[in-house]
């Protein structure tokens, strides 16, 4: 059973008097436990696709299933509840609340979960700050932390809800190369240890080099699917001809 299934998804936006076709007939499934990168140039549709999988946006047409549950027609409140339980987010700009400490930022998404007691919230915060190596910095506010430490807080916050999926949009873009590699190594360790599915939208070759699955996009279409050969670390790519090319023949 697929963790995520996307069926004939289109996404259009209005930009002034024009219609932007951001995604064109995307069909794709994602297995649980993968460390997957969506790559492509700016404007290829990768962030749009990530937002649809994350239930931040809805497709113009087509269906998206999370754990075989159709999320395409859910209400905003239903989608918010789904996100709070199943989907963690890591952004390139960290998106931490500046007035809260690291621990309070990690705890914040748990506050909407009435079934989680204050004691369990504290246990989760302590546990995930320990996992990302920031237990000693729990009381520090974001402006007292380095960029790498802030991203570690963001990862702990994403994990605190115990999600099935963590979606990461260019998570290394605002980090130097060495720190970016450290963050990727941490995410890979979490992927292997907790079996959490990670899906990245990225330009960064470092992210692609650590992934075990790859989706390449261009002009709103998927152009290739890739599986890494663990023996020699090369990619086995299956090319997909964009619909627009076949229509022009």
C-alpha atoms as a PDB file:
ATOM      1  CA  UNK A   1       0.000   0.000   0.000  1.00  0.00           C
ATOM      2  CA  UNK A   2       1.338   3.432  -0.956  1.00  0.00           C
ATOM      3  CA  UNK A   3       1.736   6.117   1.684  1.00  0.00           C
ATOM      4  CA  UNK A   4       0.969   8.847  -0.884  1.00  0.00           C
ATOM      5  CA  UNK A   5      -0.826   8.410  -4.191  1.00  0.00           C
ATOM      6  CA  UNK A   6      -1.308  11.197  -6.756  1.00  0.00           C
ATOM      7  CA  UNK A   7      -3.708  10.516  -9.625  1.00  0.00           C
ATOM      8  CA  UNK A   8      -3.969  12.736 -12.728  1.00  0.00           C
ATOM      9  CA  UNK A   9      -3.399  15.927 -10.758  1.00  0.00           C
ATOM     10  CA  UNK A  10      -3.502  19.330 -12.459  1.00  0.00           C
ATOM     11  CA  UNK A  11      -2.884  22.643 -10.730  1.00  0.00           C
ATOM     12  CA  UNK A  12      -3.615  26.030 -12.298  1.00  0.00           C
ATOM     13  CA  UNK A  13      -3.164  29.517 -10.848  1.00  0.00           C
ATOM     14  CA  UNK A  14      -4.529  32.871 -11.915  1.00  0.00           C
ATOM     15  CA  UNK A  15      -1.794  35.485 -12.352  1.00  0.00           C
ATOM     16  CA  UNK A  16      -3.478  38.732 -13.367  1.00  0.00           C
ATOM     17  CA  UNK A  17      -5.270  37.998 -16.647  1.00  0.00           C
ATOM     18  CA  UNK A  18      -3.238  34.838 -17.282  1.00  0.00           C
ATOM     19  CA  UNK A  19      -3.650  31.245 -16.145  1.00  0.00           C
ATOM     20  CA  UNK A  20      -0.438  29.537 -15.036  1.00  0.00           C
ATOM     21  CA  UNK A  21      -0.415  25.775 -15.542  1.00  0.00           C
ATOM     22  CA  UNK A  22       1.779  24.768 -12.581  1.00  0.00           C
ATOM     23  CA  UNK A  23       1.213  21.000 -12.763  1.00  0.00           C
ATOM     24  CA  UNK A  24       0.073  18.912 -15.710  1.00  0.00           C
ATOM     25  CA  UNK A  25      -1.398  15.407 -15.255  1.00  0.00           C
ATOM     26  CA  UNK A  26       0.816  14.151 -12.413  1.00  0.00           C
ATOM     27  CA  UNK A  27       0.351  10.475 -11.521  1.00  0.00           C
ATOM     28  CA  UNK A  28       2.708   9.017  -8.927  1.00  0.00           C
ATOM     29  CA  UNK A  29       2.859   6.913  -5.762  1.00  0.00           C
ATOM     30  CA  UNK A  30       5.267   7.061  -2.804  1.00  0.00           C
ATOM     31  CA  UNK A  31       6.130   4.133  -0.535  1.00  0.00           C
ATOM     32  CA  UNK A  32       6.551   4.513   3.201  1.00  0.00           C
ATOM     33  CA  UNK A  33      10.067   4.979   4.565  1.00  0.00           C
ATOM     34  CA  UNK A  34      11.707   6.519   1.494  1.00  0.00           C
ATOM     35  CA  UNK A  35      14.194   9.408   1.451  1.00  0.00           C
ATOM     36  CA  UNK A  36      13.024  11.092  -1.716  1.00  0.00           C
ATOM     37  CA  UNK A  37      14.120  14.191  -3.618  1.00  0.00           C
ATOM     38  CA  UNK A  38      11.981  16.128  -6.096  1.00  0.00           C
ATOM     39  CA  UNK A  39      14.388  18.077  -8.295  1.00  0.00           C
ATOM     40  CA  UNK A  40      14.016  20.508 -11.158  1.00  0.00           C
ATOM     41  CA  UNK A  41      14.648  24.111 -12.185  1.00  0.00           C
ATOM     42  CA  UNK A  42      12.768  27.051 -10.676  1.00  0.00           C
ATOM     43  CA  UNK A  43       9.206  27.050 -11.956  1.00  0.00           C
ATOM     44  CA  UNK A  44       9.188  23.306 -12.643  1.00  0.00           C
ATOM     45  CA  UNK A  45       6.337  22.719 -10.186  1.00  0.00           C
ATOM     46  CA  UNK A  46       8.212  20.858  -7.456  1.00  0.00           C
ATOM     47  CA  UNK A  47       7.185  23.169  -4.590  1.00  0.00           C
ATOM     48  CA  UNK A  48       3.601  23.204  -5.858  1.00  0.00           C
ATOM     49  CA  UNK A  49       3.587  19.408  -5.801  1.00  0.00           C
ATOM     50  CA  UNK A  50       5.063  19.390  -2.287  1.00  0.00           C
ATOM     51  CA  UNK A  51       2.337  21.782  -1.103  1.00  0.00           C
ATOM     52  CA  UNK A  52      -0.367  19.542  -2.544  1.00  0.00           C
ATOM     53  CA  UNK A  53       1.071  16.456  -0.847  1.00  0.00           C
ATOM     54  CA  UNK A  54       1.272  18.491   2.363  1.00  0.00           C
ATOM     55  CA  UNK A  55      -2.408  19.467   2.086  1.00  0.00           C
ATOM     56  CA  UNK A  56      -1.465  23.155   2.142  1.00  0.00           C
ATOM     57  CA  UNK A  57      -3.120  23.554  -1.259  1.00  0.00           C
ATOM     58  CA  UNK A  58      -5.687  21.645  -3.311  1.00  0.00           C
ATOM     59  CA  UNK A  59      -5.419  20.388  -6.899  1.00  0.00           C
ATOM     60  CA  UNK A  60      -7.464  22.030  -9.642  1.00  0.00           C
ATOM     61  CA  UNK A  61      -8.407  18.504 -10.675  1.00  0.00           C
ATOM     62  CA  UNK A  62      -7.314  14.981  -9.871  1.00  0.00           C
ATOM     63  CA  UNK A  63      -7.006  13.078  -6.605  1.00  0.00           C
ATOM     64  CA  UNK A  64      -4.443  12.880  -3.799  1.00  0.00           C
ATOM     65  CA  UNK A  65      -4.519  10.036  -1.289  1.00  0.00           C
ATOM     66  CA  UNK A  66      -2.657   9.934   2.044  1.00  0.00           C
ATOM     67  CA  UNK A  67      -2.694   6.429   3.535  1.00  0.00           C
ATOM     68  CA  UNK A  68      -5.348   5.587   0.927  1.00  0.00           C
ATOM     69  CA  UNK A  69      -7.598   8.396   2.195  1.00  0.00           C
ATOM     70  CA  UNK A  70      -8.757  10.877  -0.437  1.00  0.00           C
ATOM     71  CA  UNK A  71      -7.755  14.338   0.807  1.00  0.00           C
ATOM     72  CA  UNK A  72      -8.695  16.257  -2.347  1.00  0.00           C
ATOM     73  CA  UNK A  73     -12.150  17.283  -1.172  1.00  0.00           C
ATOM     74  CA  UNK A  74     -11.564  17.693   2.540  1.00  0.00           C
ATOM     75  CA  UNK A  75     -12.494  20.943   4.273  1.00  0.00           C
ATOM     76  CA  UNK A  76      -9.805  23.354   5.539  1.00  0.00           C
ATOM     77  CA  UNK A  77     -10.444  22.202   9.123  1.00  0.00           C
ATOM     78  CA  UNK A  78     -10.152  18.547   8.127  1.00  0.00           C
ATOM     79  CA  UNK A  79      -6.900  19.248   6.294  1.00  0.00           C
ATOM     80  CA  UNK A  80      -5.524  21.169   9.280  1.00  0.00           C
ATOM     81  CA  UNK A  81      -6.321  18.201  11.516  1.00  0.00           C
ATOM     82  CA  UNK A  82      -4.640  15.809   9.073  1.00  0.00           C
ATOM     83  CA  UNK A  83      -1.502  17.974   8.945  1.00  0.00           C
ATOM     84  CA  UNK A  84      -1.360  18.181  12.737  1.00  0.00           C
ATOM     85  CA  UNK A  85      -1.271  14.391  12.985  1.00  0.00           C
ATOM     86  CA  UNK A  86       0.454  13.070   9.895  1.00  0.00           C
ATOM     87  CA  UNK A  87       2.628  15.666   8.112  1.00  0.00           C
ATOM     88  CA  UNK A  88       5.662  17.546   9.412  1.00  0.00           C
ATOM     89  CA  UNK A  89       7.222  20.506   7.579  1.00  0.00           C
ATOM     90  CA  UNK A  90      10.787  21.824   7.374  1.00  0.00           C
ATOM     91  CA  UNK A  91      11.311  25.094   5.484  1.00  0.00           C
ATOM     92  CA  UNK A  92      14.441  26.827   4.196  1.00  0.00           C
ATOM     93  CA  UNK A  93      13.694  29.895   6.351  1.00  0.00           C
ATOM     94  CA  UNK A  94      13.115  27.721   9.480  1.00  0.00           C
ATOM     95  CA  UNK A  95       9.781  29.475  10.294  1.00  0.00           C
ATOM     96  CA  UNK A  96      10.417  29.468  14.038  1.00  0.00           C
ATOM     97  CA  UNK A  97       8.476  31.805  16.302  1.00  0.00           C
ATOM     98  CA  UNK A  98      11.068  34.333  17.540  1.00  0.00           C
ATOM     99  CA  UNK A  99       9.430  34.957  20.921  1.00  0.00           C
ATOM    100  CA  UNK A 100       9.436  31.263  21.852  1.00  0.00           C
ATOM    101  CA  UNK A 101      12.317  29.169  23.104  1.00  0.00           C
ATOM    102  CA  UNK A 102      13.539  26.117  21.170  1.00  0.00           C
ATOM    103  CA  UNK A 103      11.482  23.860  23.438  1.00  0.00           C
ATOM    104  CA  UNK A 104       8.373  26.018  23.048  1.00  0.00           C
ATOM    105  CA  UNK A 105       8.763  26.029  19.255  1.00  0.00           C
ATOM    106  CA  UNK A 106       8.926  22.228  19.246  1.00  0.00           C
ATOM    107  CA  UNK A 107       5.903  22.031  21.537  1.00  0.00           C
ATOM    108  CA  UNK A 108       3.825  24.539  19.564  1.00  0.00           C
ATOM    109  CA  UNK A 109       2.219  22.148  16.987  1.00  0.00           C
ATOM    110  CA  UNK A 110       1.246  19.778  19.800  1.00  0.00           C
ATOM    111  CA  UNK A 111      -0.924  22.395  21.501  1.00  0.00           C
ATOM    112  CA  UNK A 112      -3.790  21.858  19.036  1.00  0.00           C
ATOM    113  CA  UNK A 113      -3.869  18.155  19.972  1.00  0.00           C
ATOM    114  CA  UNK A 114      -6.202  18.031  22.966  1.00  0.00           C
ATOM    115  CA  UNK A 115      -5.580  14.328  23.503  1.00  0.00           C
ATOM    116  CA  UNK A 116      -1.869  14.910  24.228  1.00  0.00           C
ATOM    117  CA  UNK A 117      -1.310  15.747  27.903  1.00  0.00           C
ATOM    118  CA  UNK A 118       1.153  18.380  29.069  1.00  0.00           C
ATOM    119  CA  UNK A 119       3.341  15.599  30.474  1.00  0.00           C
ATOM    120  CA  UNK A 120       3.467  13.794  27.140  1.00  0.00           C
ATOM    121  CA  UNK A 121       4.163  17.084  25.339  1.00  0.00           C
ATOM    122  CA  UNK A 122       7.186  17.632  27.585  1.00  0.00           C
ATOM    123  CA  UNK A 123       8.386  14.075  27.003  1.00  0.00           C
ATOM    124  CA  UNK A 124       8.160  14.515  23.235  1.00  0.00           C
ATOM    125  CA  UNK A 125       9.913  17.884  23.300  1.00  0.00           C
ATOM    126  CA  UNK A 126      12.757  16.514  25.420  1.00  0.00           C
ATOM    127  CA  UNK A 127      13.052  13.380  23.286  1.00  0.00           C
ATOM    128  CA  UNK A 128      13.200  15.118  19.915  1.00  0.00           C
ATOM    129  CA  UNK A 129      15.494  17.918  21.073  1.00  0.00           C
ATOM    130  CA  UNK A 130      17.807  15.157  22.281  1.00  0.00           C
ATOM    131  CA  UNK A 131      17.589  13.418  18.891  1.00  0.00           C
ATOM    132  CA  UNK A 132      18.646  16.575  17.051  1.00  0.00           C
ATOM    133  CA  UNK A 133      21.403  17.279  19.570  1.00  0.00           C
ATOM    134  CA  UNK A 134      19.936  20.407  21.146  1.00  0.00           C
ATOM    135  CA  UNK A 135      18.886  19.285  24.612  1.00  0.00           C
ATOM    136  CA  UNK A 136      21.252  21.846  26.149  1.00  0.00           C
ATOM    137  CA  UNK A 137      19.719  24.654  24.088  1.00  0.00           C
ATOM    138  CA  UNK A 138      16.061  24.070  25.005  1.00  0.00           C
ATOM    139  CA  UNK A 139      15.698  27.507  26.625  1.00  0.00           C
ATOM    140  CA  UNK A 140      17.420  29.434  23.837  1.00  0.00           C
ATOM    141  CA  UNK A 141      15.377  31.617  21.507  1.00  0.00           C
ATOM    142  CA  UNK A 142      15.988  31.451  17.735  1.00  0.00           C
ATOM    143  CA  UNK A 143      18.141  34.615  17.710  1.00  0.00           C
ATOM    144  CA  UNK A 144      20.501  32.885  20.144  1.00  0.00           C
ATOM    145  CA  UNK A 145      21.014  29.921  17.817  1.00  0.00           C
ATOM    146  CA  UNK A 146      23.036  29.425  14.642  1.00  0.00           C
ATOM    147  CA  UNK A 147      21.343  28.688  11.329  1.00  0.00           C
ATOM    148  CA  UNK A 148      22.125  24.996  11.654  1.00  0.00           C
ATOM    149  CA  UNK A 149      20.755  24.894  15.186  1.00  0.00           C
ATOM    150  CA  UNK A 150      17.563  26.660  14.106  1.00  0.00           C
ATOM    151  CA  UNK A 151      17.083  24.096  11.364  1.00  0.00           C
ATOM    152  CA  UNK A 152      17.581  21.332  13.930  1.00  0.00           C
ATOM    153  CA  UNK A 153      14.827  22.911  16.038  1.00  0.00           C
ATOM    154  CA  UNK A 154      12.615  22.965  12.942  1.00  0.00           C
ATOM    155  CA  UNK A 155      13.310  19.252  12.387  1.00  0.00           C
ATOM    156  CA  UNK A 156      12.471  18.463  16.021  1.00  0.00           C
ATOM    157  CA  UNK A 157       9.244  20.459  15.667  1.00  0.00           C
ATOM    158  CA  UNK A 158       8.316  18.502  12.526  1.00  0.00           C
ATOM    159  CA  UNK A 159       8.992  15.197  14.267  1.00  0.00           C
ATOM    160  CA  UNK A 160       7.189  16.031  17.521  1.00  0.00           C
ATOM    161  CA  UNK A 161       3.785  15.212  16.052  1.00  0.00           C
ATOM    162  CA  UNK A 162       5.190  11.765  15.085  1.00  0.00           C
ATOM    163  CA  UNK A 163       4.272  12.234  11.421  1.00  0.00           C
ATOM    164  CA  UNK A 164       4.169   9.619   8.706  1.00  0.00           C
ATOM    165  CA  UNK A 165       5.734  12.167   6.332  1.00  0.00           C
ATOM    166  CA  UNK A 166       8.183  15.048   6.690  1.00  0.00           C
ATOM    167  CA  UNK A 167       8.131  17.497   3.776  1.00  0.00           C
ATOM    168  CA  UNK A 168      11.246  19.618   3.384  1.00  0.00           C
ATOM    169  CA  UNK A 169      11.299  22.578   0.980  1.00  0.00           C
ATOM    170  CA  UNK A 170      14.925  23.515   0.204  1.00  0.00           C
ATOM    171  CA  UNK A 171      15.984  22.808   3.813  1.00  0.00           C
ATOM    172  CA  UNK A 172      19.696  23.410   3.128  1.00  0.00           C
ATOM    173  CA  UNK A 173      19.335  26.588   1.033  1.00  0.00           C
ATOM    174  CA  UNK A 174      20.148  29.018   3.864  1.00  0.00           C
ATOM    175  CA  UNK A 175      22.957  26.923   5.334  1.00  0.00           C
ATOM    176  CA  UNK A 176      26.644  26.760   4.487  1.00  0.00           C
ATOM    177  CA  UNK A 177      27.869  23.563   2.812  1.00  0.00           C
ATOM    178  CA  UNK A 178      29.274  21.921   5.928  1.00  0.00           C
ATOM    179  CA  UNK A 179      26.158  22.655   7.998  1.00  0.00           C
ATOM    180  CA  UNK A 180      23.939  21.514   5.133  1.00  0.00           C
ATOM    181  CA  UNK A 181      25.734  18.169   5.058  1.00  0.00           C
ATOM    182  CA  UNK A 182      25.305  17.818   8.837  1.00  0.00           C
ATOM    183  CA  UNK A 183      21.567  18.500   8.572  1.00  0.00           C
ATOM    184  CA  UNK A 184      21.188  15.973   5.750  1.00  0.00           C
ATOM    185  CA  UNK A 185      23.098  13.349   7.731  1.00  0.00           C
ATOM    186  CA  UNK A 186      20.787  13.983  10.693  1.00  0.00           C
ATOM    187  CA  UNK A 187      17.688  13.625   8.522  1.00  0.00           C
ATOM    188  CA  UNK A 188      19.037  10.410   7.006  1.00  0.00           C
ATOM    189  CA  UNK A 189      19.689   8.979  10.476  1.00  0.00           C
ATOM    190  CA  UNK A 190      16.128   9.845  11.525  1.00  0.00           C
ATOM    191  CA  UNK A 191      14.793   8.277   8.327  1.00  0.00           C
ATOM    192  CA  UNK A 192      16.616   5.023   9.083  1.00  0.00           C
ATOM    193  CA  UNK A 193      15.976   5.016  12.841  1.00  0.00           C
ATOM    194  CA  UNK A 194      12.329   6.138  12.969  1.00  0.00           C
ATOM    195  CA  UNK A 195      11.341   4.976   9.432  1.00  0.00           C
ATOM    196  CA  UNK A 196       9.909   8.445   8.803  1.00  0.00           C
ATOM    197  CA  UNK A 197       9.306   9.222   5.128  1.00  0.00           C
ATOM    198  CA  UNK A 198      11.186  12.326   3.942  1.00  0.00           C
ATOM    199  CA  UNK A 199      10.218  14.150   0.747  1.00  0.00           C
ATOM    200  CA  UNK A 200      12.425  17.062  -0.376  1.00  0.00           C
ATOM    201  CA  UNK A 201      11.888  19.792  -2.931  1.00  0.00           C
ATOM    202  CA  UNK A 202      15.392  20.864  -3.874  1.00  0.00           C
ATOM    203  CA  UNK A 203      17.966  22.310  -6.247  1.00  0.00           C
ATOM    204  CA  UNK A 204      20.775  21.091  -3.997  1.00  0.00           C
ATOM    205  CA  UNK A 205      22.934  18.294  -5.407  1.00  0.00           C
ATOM    206  CA  UNK A 206      23.899  17.338  -1.836  1.00  0.00           C
ATOM    207  CA  UNK A 207      20.264  16.446  -1.125  1.00  0.00           C
ATOM    208  CA  UNK A 208      19.962  14.472  -4.348  1.00  0.00           C
ATOM    209  CA  UNK A 209      23.188  12.609  -3.534  1.00  0.00           C
ATOM    210  CA  UNK A 210      21.722  11.445  -0.191  1.00  0.00           C
ATOM    211  CA  UNK A 211      18.306  10.439  -1.544  1.00  0.00           C
ATOM    212  CA  UNK A 212      17.317   6.865  -2.327  1.00  0.00           C
ATOM    213  CA  UNK A 213      14.472   7.906  -4.634  1.00  0.00           C
ATOM    214  CA  UNK A 214      14.414  10.737  -7.180  1.00  0.00           C
ATOM    215  CA  UNK A 215      11.712  12.509  -9.166  1.00  0.00           C
ATOM    216  CA  UNK A 216      12.795  14.987 -11.838  1.00  0.00           C
ATOM    217  CA  UNK A 217      10.387  17.699 -12.969  1.00  0.00           C
ATOM    218  CA  UNK A 218      10.230  20.286 -15.730  1.00  0.00           C
ATOM    219  CA  UNK A 219       7.450  22.628 -16.875  1.00  0.00           C
ATOM    220  CA  UNK A 220       4.918  21.114 -14.473  1.00  0.00           C
ATOM    221  CA  UNK A 221       5.523  17.528 -15.607  1.00  0.00           C
ATOM    222  CA  UNK A 222       7.443  14.604 -14.162  1.00  0.00           C
ATOM    223  CA  UNK A 223      10.239  13.770 -16.610  1.00  0.00           C
ATOM    224  CA  UNK A 224      11.957  10.896 -14.772  1.00  0.00           C
ATOM    225  CA  UNK A 225      11.686   8.552 -11.800  1.00  0.00           C
ATOM    226  CA  UNK A 226      14.881   7.263 -10.202  1.00  0.00           C
ATOM    227  CA  UNK A 227      15.881   4.518  -7.766  1.00  0.00           C
ATOM    228  CA  UNK A 228      19.396   4.508  -6.353  1.00  0.00           C
ATOM    229  CA  UNK A 229      21.499   1.407  -6.897  1.00  0.00           C
ATOM    230  CA  UNK A 230      22.870   0.740  -3.415  1.00  0.00           C
ATOM    231  CA  UNK A 231      25.791  -1.268  -4.765  1.00  0.00           C
ATOM    232  CA  UNK A 232      27.490   1.496  -6.752  1.00  0.00           C
ATOM    233  CA  UNK A 233      25.289   4.480  -5.671  1.00  0.00           C
ATOM    234  CA  UNK A 234      24.283   5.272  -9.267  1.00  0.00           C
ATOM    235  CA  UNK A 235      20.753   6.144 -10.335  1.00  0.00           C
ATOM    236  CA  UNK A 236      18.506   3.811 -12.306  1.00  0.00           C
ATOM    237  CA  UNK A 237      16.362   6.410 -14.102  1.00  0.00           C
ATOM    238  CA  UNK A 238      13.143   5.729 -15.951  1.00  0.00           C
ATOM    239  CA  UNK A 239      12.508   8.613 -18.334  1.00  0.00           C
ATOM    240  CA  UNK A 240       8.978   9.914 -18.775  1.00  0.00           C
ATOM    241  CA  UNK A 241       8.120  11.928 -21.875  1.00  0.00           C
ATOM    242  CA  UNK A 242       6.181  15.060 -20.882  1.00  0.00           C
ATOM    243  CA  UNK A 243       2.665  15.167 -22.315  1.00  0.00           C
ATOM    244  CA  UNK A 244       3.426  18.459 -24.059  1.00  0.00           C
ATOM    245  CA  UNK A 245       6.166  16.762 -26.145  1.00  0.00           C
ATOM    246  CA  UNK A 246       3.951  13.937 -27.306  1.00  0.00           C
ATOM    247  CA  UNK A 247       1.156  16.335 -28.231  1.00  0.00           C
ATOM    248  CA  UNK A 248       3.513  18.256 -30.520  1.00  0.00           C
ATOM    249  CA  UNK A 249       4.495  15.242 -32.587  1.00  0.00           C
END
